[in-house]
Amino acid sequence: MIRHCVFIRFRPEISADEKASIFAEITALKTRLPGLLATYAGANVSPEVGMDKGYSEGFIVDFADAVARDAYLEDPEHRQTGAKIVAAAQGGIDGIFVYDLEITG
């Protein structure tokens, strides 16, 4: 399984509704992309103050395997949502942190 983690430093003027819309678009991909197992989105709730380095919100997508993840990355709707995320992030792409973790066993 691949756990795809995306953390975002949203620009201050991005509303809660805009963030929710972006996260809803990611979640909606589950209905049509085989191997997309689960999505989770929301704000950081860690009590470790400052450890988020400003990446205060984000989402995680679980995929059955790398093939499913790669199909998601190439998907046109995902690319459209990705462009919205870049536009909403502080400094564009510099305001986004992506980390994929392979889950075994």
N, C-alpha and C. Protein backbone atom coordinates (compact mmCIF):
# COMPACT_ATOMS: atom_id res chain seq x y z
N MET A 1 0.85 -1.18 0.00
CA MET A 1 0.00 0.00 0.00
C MET A 1 0.89 1.24 0.00
N ILE A 2 0.43 2.27 -0.65
CA ILE A 2 1.12 3.57 -0.67
C ILE A 2 0.24 4.58 0.06
N ARG A 3 0.82 5.27 1.03
CA ARG A 3 0.14 6.36 1.74
C ARG A 3 0.73 7.67 1.21
N HIS A 4 -0.09 8.42 0.51
CA HIS A 4 0.30 9.68 -0.14
C HIS A 4 -0.13 10.83 0.77
N CYS A 5 0.82 11.54 1.35
CA CYS A 5 0.56 12.60 2.32
C CYS A 5 0.88 13.96 1.69
N VAL A 6 -0.06 14.87 1.77
CA VAL A 6 0.11 16.20 1.19
C VAL A 6 -0.23 17.23 2.28
N PHE A 7 0.74 18.06 2.61
CA PHE A 7 0.55 19.08 3.63
C PHE A 7 0.69 20.45 2.98
N ILE A 8 -0.18 21.37 3.40
CA ILE A 8 -0.32 22.65 2.70
C ILE A 8 -0.23 23.82 3.66
N ARG A 9 0.51 24.83 3.26
CA ARG A 9 0.49 26.14 3.93
C ARG A 9 -0.44 27.01 3.09
N PHE A 10 -1.70 27.07 3.48
CA PHE A 10 -2.65 27.88 2.73
C PHE A 10 -2.38 29.36 2.94
N ARG A 11 -2.62 30.15 1.87
CA ARG A 11 -2.55 31.60 2.01
C ARG A 11 -3.63 32.04 2.99
N PRO A 12 -3.39 33.09 3.78
CA PRO A 12 -4.34 33.50 4.82
C PRO A 12 -5.73 33.84 4.30
N GLU A 13 -5.83 34.31 3.07
CA GLU A 13 -7.14 34.72 2.55
C GLU A 13 -7.97 33.55 2.01
N ILE A 14 -7.42 32.35 2.01
CA ILE A 14 -8.17 31.19 1.54
C ILE A 14 -9.19 30.81 2.61
N SER A 15 -10.45 30.82 2.23
CA SER A 15 -11.53 30.58 3.21
C SER A 15 -11.64 29.10 3.57
N ALA A 16 -12.30 28.85 4.67
CA ALA A 16 -12.57 27.47 5.09
C ALA A 16 -13.39 26.74 4.03
N ASP A 17 -14.31 27.45 3.38
CA ASP A 17 -15.12 26.84 2.32
C ASP A 17 -14.28 26.44 1.12
N GLU A 18 -13.31 27.28 0.75
CA GLU A 18 -12.42 26.96 -0.37
C GLU A 18 -11.58 25.72 -0.04
N LYS A 19 -11.07 25.65 1.18
CA LYS A 19 -10.28 24.50 1.60
C LYS A 19 -11.14 23.24 1.57
N ALA A 20 -12.34 23.34 2.11
CA ALA A 20 -13.24 22.19 2.13
C ALA A 20 -13.57 21.71 0.72
N SER A 21 -13.72 22.65 -0.20
CA SER A 21 -14.01 22.30 -1.59
C SER A 21 -12.84 21.53 -2.22
N ILE A 22 -11.64 21.98 -1.96
CA ILE A 22 -10.45 21.28 -2.47
C ILE A 22 -10.40 19.86 -1.91
N PHE A 23 -10.58 19.73 -0.61
CA PHE A 23 -10.53 18.41 0.01
C PHE A 23 -11.65 17.51 -0.51
N ALA A 24 -12.82 18.09 -0.76
CA ALA A 24 -13.94 17.31 -1.30
C ALA A 24 -13.63 16.79 -2.71
N GLU A 25 -12.93 17.59 -3.49
CA GLU A 25 -12.54 17.14 -4.84
C GLU A 25 -11.60 15.95 -4.76
N ILE A 26 -10.67 15.97 -3.82
CA ILE A 26 -9.76 14.83 -3.65
C ILE A 26 -10.57 13.60 -3.23
N THR A 27 -11.45 13.75 -2.28
CA THR A 27 -12.26 12.64 -1.80
C THR A 27 -13.14 12.07 -2.92
N ALA A 28 -13.66 12.91 -3.78
CA ALA A 28 -14.54 12.47 -4.87
C ALA A 28 -13.82 11.56 -5.86
N LEU A 29 -12.52 11.66 -5.95
CA LEU A 29 -11.77 10.81 -6.88
C LEU A 29 -11.90 9.33 -6.51
N LYS A 30 -12.18 9.06 -5.25
CA LYS A 30 -12.29 7.67 -4.79
C LYS A 30 -13.38 6.91 -5.54
N THR A 31 -14.42 7.60 -5.95
CA THR A 31 -15.55 6.93 -6.59
C THR A 31 -15.22 6.41 -7.99
N ARG A 32 -14.14 6.89 -8.59
CA ARG A 32 -13.87 6.48 -9.96
C ARG A 32 -12.46 6.00 -10.25
N LEU A 33 -11.56 6.09 -9.28
CA LEU A 33 -10.19 5.63 -9.52
C LEU A 33 -9.94 4.31 -8.80
N PRO A 34 -9.78 3.23 -9.55
CA PRO A 34 -9.52 1.94 -8.93
C PRO A 34 -8.24 1.98 -8.10
N GLY A 35 -8.28 1.34 -6.97
CA GLY A 35 -7.09 1.28 -6.11
C GLY A 35 -6.94 2.44 -5.16
N LEU A 36 -7.80 3.46 -5.28
CA LEU A 36 -7.80 4.55 -4.30
C LEU A 36 -8.67 4.06 -3.15
N LEU A 37 -8.03 3.73 -2.04
CA LEU A 37 -8.71 3.04 -0.94
C LEU A 37 -9.40 3.96 0.05
N ALA A 38 -8.75 5.08 0.38
CA ALA A 38 -9.30 5.96 1.42
C ALA A 38 -8.69 7.34 1.31
N THR A 39 -9.44 8.34 1.77
CA THR A 39 -8.93 9.71 1.85
C THR A 39 -9.24 10.27 3.24
N TYR A 40 -8.34 11.10 3.71
CA TYR A 40 -8.49 11.79 5.00
C TYR A 40 -8.01 13.22 4.78
N ALA A 41 -8.73 14.19 5.33
CA ALA A 41 -8.33 15.58 5.15
C ALA A 41 -8.68 16.39 6.39
N GLY A 42 -7.91 17.44 6.63
CA GLY A 42 -8.24 18.33 7.72
C GLY A 42 -7.04 19.07 8.26
N ALA A 43 -7.27 19.69 9.39
CA ALA A 43 -6.26 20.52 10.04
C ALA A 43 -5.36 19.67 10.94
N ASN A 44 -4.15 20.14 11.12
CA ASN A 44 -3.21 19.51 12.05
C ASN A 44 -3.74 19.68 13.47
N VAL A 45 -3.78 18.59 14.22
CA VAL A 45 -4.25 18.64 15.61
C VAL A 45 -3.16 18.22 16.59
N SER A 46 -1.92 18.22 16.13
CA SER A 46 -0.81 17.83 17.01
C SER A 46 -0.60 18.86 18.11
N PRO A 47 -0.34 18.41 19.34
CA PRO A 47 -0.03 19.33 20.43
C PRO A 47 1.42 19.82 20.38
N GLU A 48 2.20 19.32 19.43
CA GLU A 48 3.61 19.70 19.33
C GLU A 48 3.72 21.03 18.59
N VAL A 49 3.63 22.10 19.34
CA VAL A 49 3.58 23.46 18.80
C VAL A 49 4.81 23.74 17.94
N GLY A 50 4.54 24.23 16.72
CA GLY A 50 5.60 24.63 15.81
C GLY A 50 6.19 23.52 14.98
N MET A 51 5.89 22.28 15.30
CA MET A 51 6.49 21.16 14.58
C MET A 51 5.90 21.01 13.17
N ASP A 52 4.76 21.62 12.92
CA ASP A 52 4.16 21.51 11.59
C ASP A 52 4.82 22.43 10.57
N LYS A 53 5.69 23.31 11.04
CA LYS A 53 6.43 24.23 10.17
C LYS A 53 5.50 25.05 9.27
N GLY A 54 4.28 25.29 9.75
CA GLY A 54 3.33 26.09 9.00
C GLY A 54 2.43 25.29 8.07
N TYR A 55 2.69 24.01 7.93
CA TYR A 55 1.82 23.14 7.11
C TYR A 55 0.66 22.72 7.99
N SER A 56 -0.29 23.60 8.14
CA SER A 56 -1.33 23.43 9.15
C SER A 56 -2.51 22.58 8.70
N GLU A 57 -2.61 22.27 7.41
CA GLU A 57 -3.71 21.47 6.90
C GLU A 57 -3.20 20.58 5.79
N GLY A 58 -3.97 19.55 5.50
CA GLY A 58 -3.56 18.67 4.42
C GLY A 58 -4.47 17.49 4.26
N PHE A 59 -4.00 16.53 3.48
CA PHE A 59 -4.78 15.32 3.25
C PHE A 59 -3.86 14.14 3.02
N ILE A 60 -4.43 12.96 3.23
CA ILE A 60 -3.73 11.70 3.01
C ILE A 60 -4.63 10.83 2.14
N VAL A 61 -4.01 10.19 1.17
CA VAL A 61 -4.73 9.27 0.30
C VAL A 61 -4.01 7.93 0.35
N ASP A 62 -4.76 6.87 0.62
CA ASP A 62 -4.21 5.52 0.63
C ASP A 62 -4.52 4.84 -0.70
N PHE A 63 -3.49 4.23 -1.28
CA PHE A 63 -3.61 3.51 -2.55
C PHE A 63 -3.23 2.05 -2.35
N ALA A 64 -3.85 1.19 -3.13
CA ALA A 64 -3.55 -0.24 -3.05
C ALA A 64 -2.08 -0.51 -3.38
N ASP A 65 -1.54 0.28 -4.33
CA ASP A 65 -0.17 0.06 -4.77
C ASP A 65 0.32 1.28 -5.55
N ALA A 66 1.56 1.21 -5.99
CA ALA A 66 2.16 2.33 -6.73
C ALA A 66 1.46 2.55 -8.07
N VAL A 67 0.96 1.49 -8.69
CA VAL A 67 0.26 1.63 -9.97
C VAL A 67 -0.98 2.51 -9.79
N ALA A 68 -1.75 2.27 -8.73
CA ALA A 68 -2.94 3.08 -8.45
C ALA A 68 -2.55 4.52 -8.14
N ARG A 69 -1.48 4.71 -7.38
CA ARG A 69 -1.01 6.07 -7.07
C ARG A 69 -0.60 6.81 -8.34
N ASP A 70 0.11 6.12 -9.20
CA ASP A 70 0.58 6.75 -10.43
C ASP A 70 -0.58 7.12 -11.35
N ALA A 71 -1.62 6.28 -11.38
CA ALA A 71 -2.81 6.61 -12.18
C ALA A 71 -3.49 7.87 -11.64
N TYR A 72 -3.54 7.99 -10.32
CA TYR A 72 -4.09 9.19 -9.66
C TYR A 72 -3.28 10.42 -10.05
N LEU A 73 -1.97 10.31 -10.03
CA LEU A 73 -1.11 11.45 -10.35
C LEU A 73 -1.32 11.94 -11.78
N GLU A 74 -1.64 11.03 -12.69
CA GLU A 74 -1.85 11.38 -14.10
C GLU A 74 -3.30 11.75 -14.42
N ASP A 75 -4.20 11.52 -13.50
CA ASP A 75 -5.62 11.77 -13.73
C ASP A 75 -5.90 13.25 -13.98
N PRO A 76 -6.65 13.60 -15.03
CA PRO A 76 -6.92 15.01 -15.34
C PRO A 76 -7.64 15.76 -14.22
N GLU A 77 -8.60 15.12 -13.56
CA GLU A 77 -9.30 15.80 -12.46
C GLU A 77 -8.36 16.05 -11.28
N HIS A 78 -7.49 15.09 -11.00
CA HIS A 78 -6.50 15.30 -9.94
C HIS A 78 -5.59 16.48 -10.30
N ARG A 79 -5.18 16.55 -11.54
CA ARG A 79 -4.30 17.65 -11.98
C ARG A 79 -5.00 19.01 -11.83
N GLN A 80 -6.30 19.06 -12.12
CA GLN A 80 -7.05 20.31 -11.95
C GLN A 80 -7.10 20.71 -10.48
N THR A 81 -7.36 19.74 -9.62
CA THR A 81 -7.39 20.03 -8.18
C THR A 81 -6.00 20.40 -7.70
N GLY A 82 -4.98 19.73 -8.21
CA GLY A 82 -3.61 20.06 -7.85
C GLY A 82 -3.26 21.51 -8.19
N ALA A 83 -3.74 21.97 -9.33
CA ALA A 83 -3.51 23.37 -9.72
C ALA A 83 -4.20 24.33 -8.75
N LYS A 84 -5.38 23.95 -8.26
CA LYS A 84 -6.08 24.77 -7.27
C LYS A 84 -5.29 24.82 -5.96
N ILE A 85 -4.71 23.69 -5.59
CA ILE A 85 -3.91 23.64 -4.36
C ILE A 85 -2.70 24.55 -4.49
N VAL A 86 -2.00 24.46 -5.61
CA VAL A 86 -0.83 25.32 -5.83
C VAL A 86 -1.23 26.79 -5.77
N ALA A 87 -2.35 27.13 -6.39
CA ALA A 87 -2.82 28.53 -6.38
C ALA A 87 -3.20 29.00 -4.98
N ALA A 88 -3.66 28.08 -4.13
CA ALA A 88 -4.11 28.44 -2.78
C ALA A 88 -2.99 28.42 -1.74
N ALA A 89 -1.86 27.86 -2.10
CA ALA A 89 -0.75 27.72 -1.15
C ALA A 89 0.14 28.95 -1.11
N GLN A 90 0.66 29.24 0.07
CA GLN A 90 1.62 30.33 0.21
C GLN A 90 2.86 30.01 -0.62
N GLY A 91 3.21 30.88 -1.54
CA GLY A 91 4.38 30.68 -2.37
C GLY A 91 4.19 29.62 -3.45
N GLY A 92 2.93 29.27 -3.74
CA GLY A 92 2.68 28.26 -4.77
C GLY A 92 3.22 26.90 -4.35
N ILE A 93 3.97 26.28 -5.23
CA ILE A 93 4.49 24.94 -4.98
C ILE A 93 5.35 24.88 -3.72
N ASP A 94 5.98 26.00 -3.34
CA ASP A 94 6.81 26.03 -2.13
C ASP A 94 5.98 25.89 -0.86
N GLY A 95 4.67 26.08 -0.95
CA GLY A 95 3.79 25.95 0.20
C GLY A 95 3.14 24.58 0.31
N ILE A 96 3.72 23.61 -0.41
CA ILE A 96 3.16 22.25 -0.40
C ILE A 96 4.29 21.26 -0.12
N PHE A 97 3.99 20.30 0.76
CA PHE A 97 4.95 19.25 1.10
C PHE A 97 4.27 17.91 0.82
N VAL A 98 4.90 17.09 -0.02
CA VAL A 98 4.35 15.78 -0.38
C VAL A 98 5.30 14.70 0.08
N TYR A 99 4.72 13.65 0.66
CA TYR A 99 5.53 12.54 1.14
C TYR A 99 4.75 11.26 0.93
N ASP A 100 5.33 10.31 0.22
CA ASP A 100 4.69 9.02 -0.01
C ASP A 100 5.43 7.96 0.82
N LEU A 101 4.64 7.15 1.50
CA LEU A 101 5.18 6.13 2.38
C LEU A 101 4.63 4.77 1.93
N GLU A 102 5.53 3.82 1.73
CA GLU A 102 5.09 2.47 1.39
C GLU A 102 4.80 1.73 2.69
N ILE A 103 3.59 1.20 2.78
CA ILE A 103 3.16 0.46 3.96
C ILE A 103 3.26 -1.03 3.62
N THR A 104 4.04 -1.76 4.38
CA THR A 104 4.18 -3.20 4.15
C THR A 104 3.79 -3.95 5.40
N GLY A 105 3.40 -5.20 5.20
CA GLY A 105 3.09 -6.08 6.33
C GLY A 105 1.85 -5.81 6.98
